[in-house]
Amino acid sequence: MSKQNKADQRKMKIVKIVLGVVVALSIAFFAIGIFVQELNYTSKVTIDKPLSEVFKLFNNDEKMSKWIPEIKSIKSVLKTEEIKGSTFLVTVNNQGNEVVLEEKVLDFIDNKKVRLLFKGGGMLKVGGYSFETLSDGMTQLTLESNVKSDNFILGCLLPLMKGKLADQDQQYLNNFKKFAESSND
């Protein structure tokens, strides 16, 4: 066998190994999308304010950009008297791009809980916020999040984004805590 043939065989072996790795990684990536269809995570914060004040501040749309800085505007599409069923268009700055999210109030119990559905950017997110009075006038705000994708490829990426999404929600709650505790409203 000539030196040229041996060199060609080595190159082919390397190509086969690289292709095998690429195929294995592709199968793993798409398998994630098949087996992991949604994400669930919890975020919490304790606020040094009475529950009624915390709930009022949390539900003040005009102040929301103080603790979620990416929000540029909130436009009411449908407002219901009982709040549940109300729909809004929320414009956010997502890394320099404006994205419009649809926000729908799924549940609203005064001074107890708010459950919101966000649609946009290929994702569906349900955020259930519950408010609980702790001792000494403190309030615990808990967010139970459920995130799904409305397309398969983005669904494959969801598990890789869980940490970032959970960290972002925790940061928003921390921002809200700081805002609420410094507010005189």
Protein backbone atom coordinates (compact mmCIF):
# COMPACT_ATOMS: atom_id res chain seq x y z
CA MET A 1 0.00 0.00 0.00
CA SER A 2 1.37 3.38 -0.93
CA LYS A 3 1.90 6.29 1.43
CA GLN A 4 -0.82 8.20 -0.42
CA ASN A 5 -3.40 5.46 0.22
CA LYS A 6 -2.50 5.29 3.92
CA ALA A 7 -2.85 9.09 4.21
CA ASP A 8 -6.23 8.93 2.45
CA GLN A 9 -7.39 6.17 4.80
CA ARG A 10 -6.38 8.22 7.84
CA LYS A 11 -8.26 11.24 6.48
CA MET A 12 -11.36 9.14 5.85
CA LYS A 13 -11.15 7.72 9.36
CA ILE A 14 -11.00 11.26 10.80
CA VAL A 15 -13.94 12.34 8.62
CA LYS A 16 -15.98 9.32 9.80
CA ILE A 17 -15.20 10.10 13.45
CA VAL A 18 -16.15 13.77 13.03
CA LEU A 19 -19.38 12.83 11.22
CA GLY A 20 -20.17 10.27 13.93
CA VAL A 21 -19.74 12.91 16.64
CA VAL A 22 -21.89 15.42 14.71
CA VAL A 23 -24.64 12.82 14.18
CA ALA A 24 -24.53 11.77 17.86
CA LEU A 25 -24.76 15.39 19.04
CA SER A 26 -27.62 16.08 16.61
CA ILE A 27 -29.54 13.04 17.86
CA ALA A 28 -28.97 14.13 21.46
CA PHE A 29 -30.12 17.70 20.67
CA PHE A 30 -33.34 16.55 19.00
CA ALA A 31 -33.97 13.92 21.69
CA ILE A 32 -33.99 16.73 24.25
CA GLY A 33 -36.86 18.35 22.33
CA ILE A 34 -38.79 15.09 22.28
CA PHE A 35 -38.41 14.26 25.97
CA VAL A 36 -38.33 17.72 27.57
CA GLN A 37 -41.45 19.54 26.45
CA GLU A 38 -41.60 22.20 29.17
CA LEU A 39 -39.67 23.78 32.03
CA ASN A 40 -40.83 24.39 35.58
CA TYR A 41 -38.99 26.42 38.18
CA THR A 42 -39.67 28.50 41.28
CA SER A 43 -38.35 31.90 42.36
CA LYS A 44 -38.96 33.58 45.73
CA VAL A 45 -38.28 36.84 47.49
CA THR A 46 -39.17 38.22 50.93
CA ILE A 47 -40.18 41.88 51.02
CA ASP A 48 -40.18 44.11 54.09
CA LYS A 49 -43.63 45.59 53.44
CA PRO A 50 -47.18 44.53 54.29
CA LEU A 51 -48.89 42.25 51.79
CA SER A 52 -51.55 44.76 50.68
CA GLU A 53 -48.87 47.33 49.77
CA VAL A 54 -46.75 44.73 47.96
CA PHE A 55 -49.75 43.48 45.98
CA LYS A 56 -50.77 47.02 45.00
CA LEU A 57 -47.24 47.92 43.84
CA PHE A 58 -46.85 44.64 41.96
CA ASN A 59 -50.03 45.23 39.97
CA ASN A 60 -49.30 48.87 39.07
CA ASP A 61 -48.54 48.68 35.33
CA GLU A 62 -47.16 52.22 35.31
CA LYS A 63 -44.39 51.22 37.74
CA MET A 64 -43.52 47.84 36.22
CA SER A 65 -40.58 49.20 34.20
CA LYS A 66 -38.94 50.20 37.51
CA TRP A 67 -38.28 46.54 38.27
CA ILE A 68 -38.35 45.02 34.78
CA PRO A 69 -36.12 47.50 32.92
CA GLU A 70 -36.63 45.84 29.52
CA ILE A 71 -40.29 46.93 29.45
CA LYS A 72 -40.80 49.85 27.10
CA SER A 73 -44.61 50.04 27.09
CA ILE A 74 -47.78 48.26 28.16
CA LYS A 75 -50.92 48.71 26.08
CA SER A 76 -54.32 47.46 27.20
CA VAL A 77 -56.10 45.38 24.55
CA LEU A 78 -58.97 44.13 26.70
CA LYS A 79 -59.72 45.10 30.29
CA THR A 80 -62.29 43.18 32.26
CA GLU A 81 -63.93 44.39 35.45
CA GLU A 82 -62.76 41.36 37.41
CA ILE A 83 -59.25 41.71 35.88
CA LYS A 84 -59.16 37.98 35.04
CA GLY A 85 -59.22 37.70 31.24
CA SER A 86 -57.66 41.13 30.68
CA THR A 87 -55.14 41.20 27.83
CA PHE A 88 -52.19 43.52 27.25
CA LEU A 89 -49.48 44.03 24.65
CA VAL A 90 -46.12 44.43 26.37
CA THR A 91 -43.26 45.87 24.32
CA VAL A 92 -39.84 44.87 25.61
CA ASN A 93 -36.28 45.56 24.54
CA ASN A 94 -34.67 42.16 23.96
CA GLN A 95 -30.95 42.77 23.39
CA GLY A 96 -31.59 45.82 21.21
CA ASN A 97 -34.64 44.41 19.41
CA GLU A 98 -38.19 45.39 20.24
CA VAL A 99 -40.39 42.37 20.90
CA VAL A 100 -44.12 42.53 21.54
CA LEU A 101 -45.50 39.99 24.00
CA GLU A 102 -49.14 39.25 24.61
CA GLU A 103 -49.95 39.10 28.32
CA LYS A 104 -53.22 37.61 29.52
CA VAL A 105 -54.40 37.53 33.13
CA LEU A 106 -55.42 33.92 33.79
CA ASP A 107 -56.24 34.34 37.46
CA PHE A 108 -56.48 37.26 39.86
CA ILE A 109 -57.36 37.01 43.54
CA ASP A 110 -56.86 40.30 45.37
CA ASN A 111 -53.97 40.19 47.86
CA LYS A 112 -53.43 36.48 47.16
CA LYS A 113 -52.32 35.60 43.63
CA VAL A 114 -51.90 36.65 40.02
CA ARG A 115 -51.38 34.17 37.19
CA LEU A 116 -50.23 35.51 33.83
CA LEU A 117 -49.75 33.97 30.39
CA PHE A 118 -47.08 35.49 28.16
CA LYS A 119 -46.94 34.65 24.45
CA GLY A 120 -44.21 35.80 22.13
CA GLY A 121 -40.87 35.00 20.61
CA GLY A 122 -41.89 31.39 20.07
CA MET A 123 -42.47 30.79 23.76
CA LEU A 124 -45.45 30.41 26.06
CA LYS A 125 -44.86 31.19 29.72
CA VAL A 126 -47.29 30.93 32.61
CA GLY A 127 -46.16 32.78 35.70
CA GLY A 128 -48.11 32.18 38.89
CA TYR A 129 -47.32 34.81 41.52
CA SER A 130 -48.51 34.11 45.05
CA PHE A 131 -48.36 36.53 47.97
CA GLU A 132 -48.11 35.37 51.57
CA THR A 133 -47.94 37.33 54.82
CA LEU A 134 -45.01 36.42 57.03
CA SER A 135 -44.33 37.59 60.56
CA ASP A 136 -43.47 41.22 61.34
CA GLY A 137 -45.25 42.69 58.30
CA MET A 138 -43.08 40.88 55.78
CA THR A 139 -44.46 39.46 52.53
CA GLN A 140 -43.20 36.46 50.61
CA LEU A 141 -43.65 36.66 46.85
CA THR A 142 -43.33 33.31 45.08
CA LEU A 143 -43.24 32.80 41.32
CA GLU A 144 -44.05 29.37 39.89
CA SER A 145 -43.02 29.39 36.22
CA ASN A 146 -43.96 27.02 33.41
CA VAL A 147 -42.33 27.60 30.02
CA LYS A 148 -43.13 25.84 26.75
CA SER A 149 -42.13 26.43 23.17
CA ASP A 150 -44.50 26.66 20.26
CA ASN A 151 -41.91 25.23 17.85
CA PHE A 152 -39.78 22.10 17.99
CA ILE A 153 -36.32 23.63 17.48
CA LEU A 154 -36.81 26.20 20.24
CA GLY A 155 -38.18 23.39 22.40
CA CYS A 156 -34.87 21.58 21.96
CA LEU A 157 -33.11 24.66 23.36
CA LEU A 158 -35.40 25.10 26.40
CA PRO A 159 -33.45 22.83 28.77
CA LEU A 160 -30.28 24.70 27.87
CA MET A 161 -32.00 28.00 28.74
CA LYS A 162 -33.53 26.96 32.08
CA GLY A 163 -30.78 28.48 34.20
CA LYS A 164 -30.88 31.77 32.31
CA LEU A 165 -34.68 32.02 32.52
CA ALA A 166 -34.74 31.17 36.24
CA ASP A 167 -31.91 33.63 36.96
CA GLN A 168 -33.70 36.37 35.00
CA ASP A 169 -36.96 35.84 36.92
CA GLN A 170 -35.10 35.82 40.23
CA GLN A 171 -33.39 39.08 39.26
CA TYR A 172 -36.77 40.65 38.44
CA LEU A 173 -38.09 39.60 41.86
CA ASN A 174 -34.98 41.02 43.53
CA ASN A 175 -35.49 44.26 41.57
CA PHE A 176 -39.13 44.33 42.69
CA LYS A 177 -38.08 43.82 46.33
CA LYS A 178 -35.69 46.77 46.10
CA PHE A 179 -38.34 48.91 44.38
CA ALA A 180 -41.12 47.96 46.82
CA GLU A 181 -39.03 48.49 49.94
CA SER A 182 -37.91 51.94 48.76
CA SER A 183 -41.38 52.99 47.58
CA ASN A 184 -43.50 55.40 49.59
CA ASP A 185 -46.69 54.69 47.62
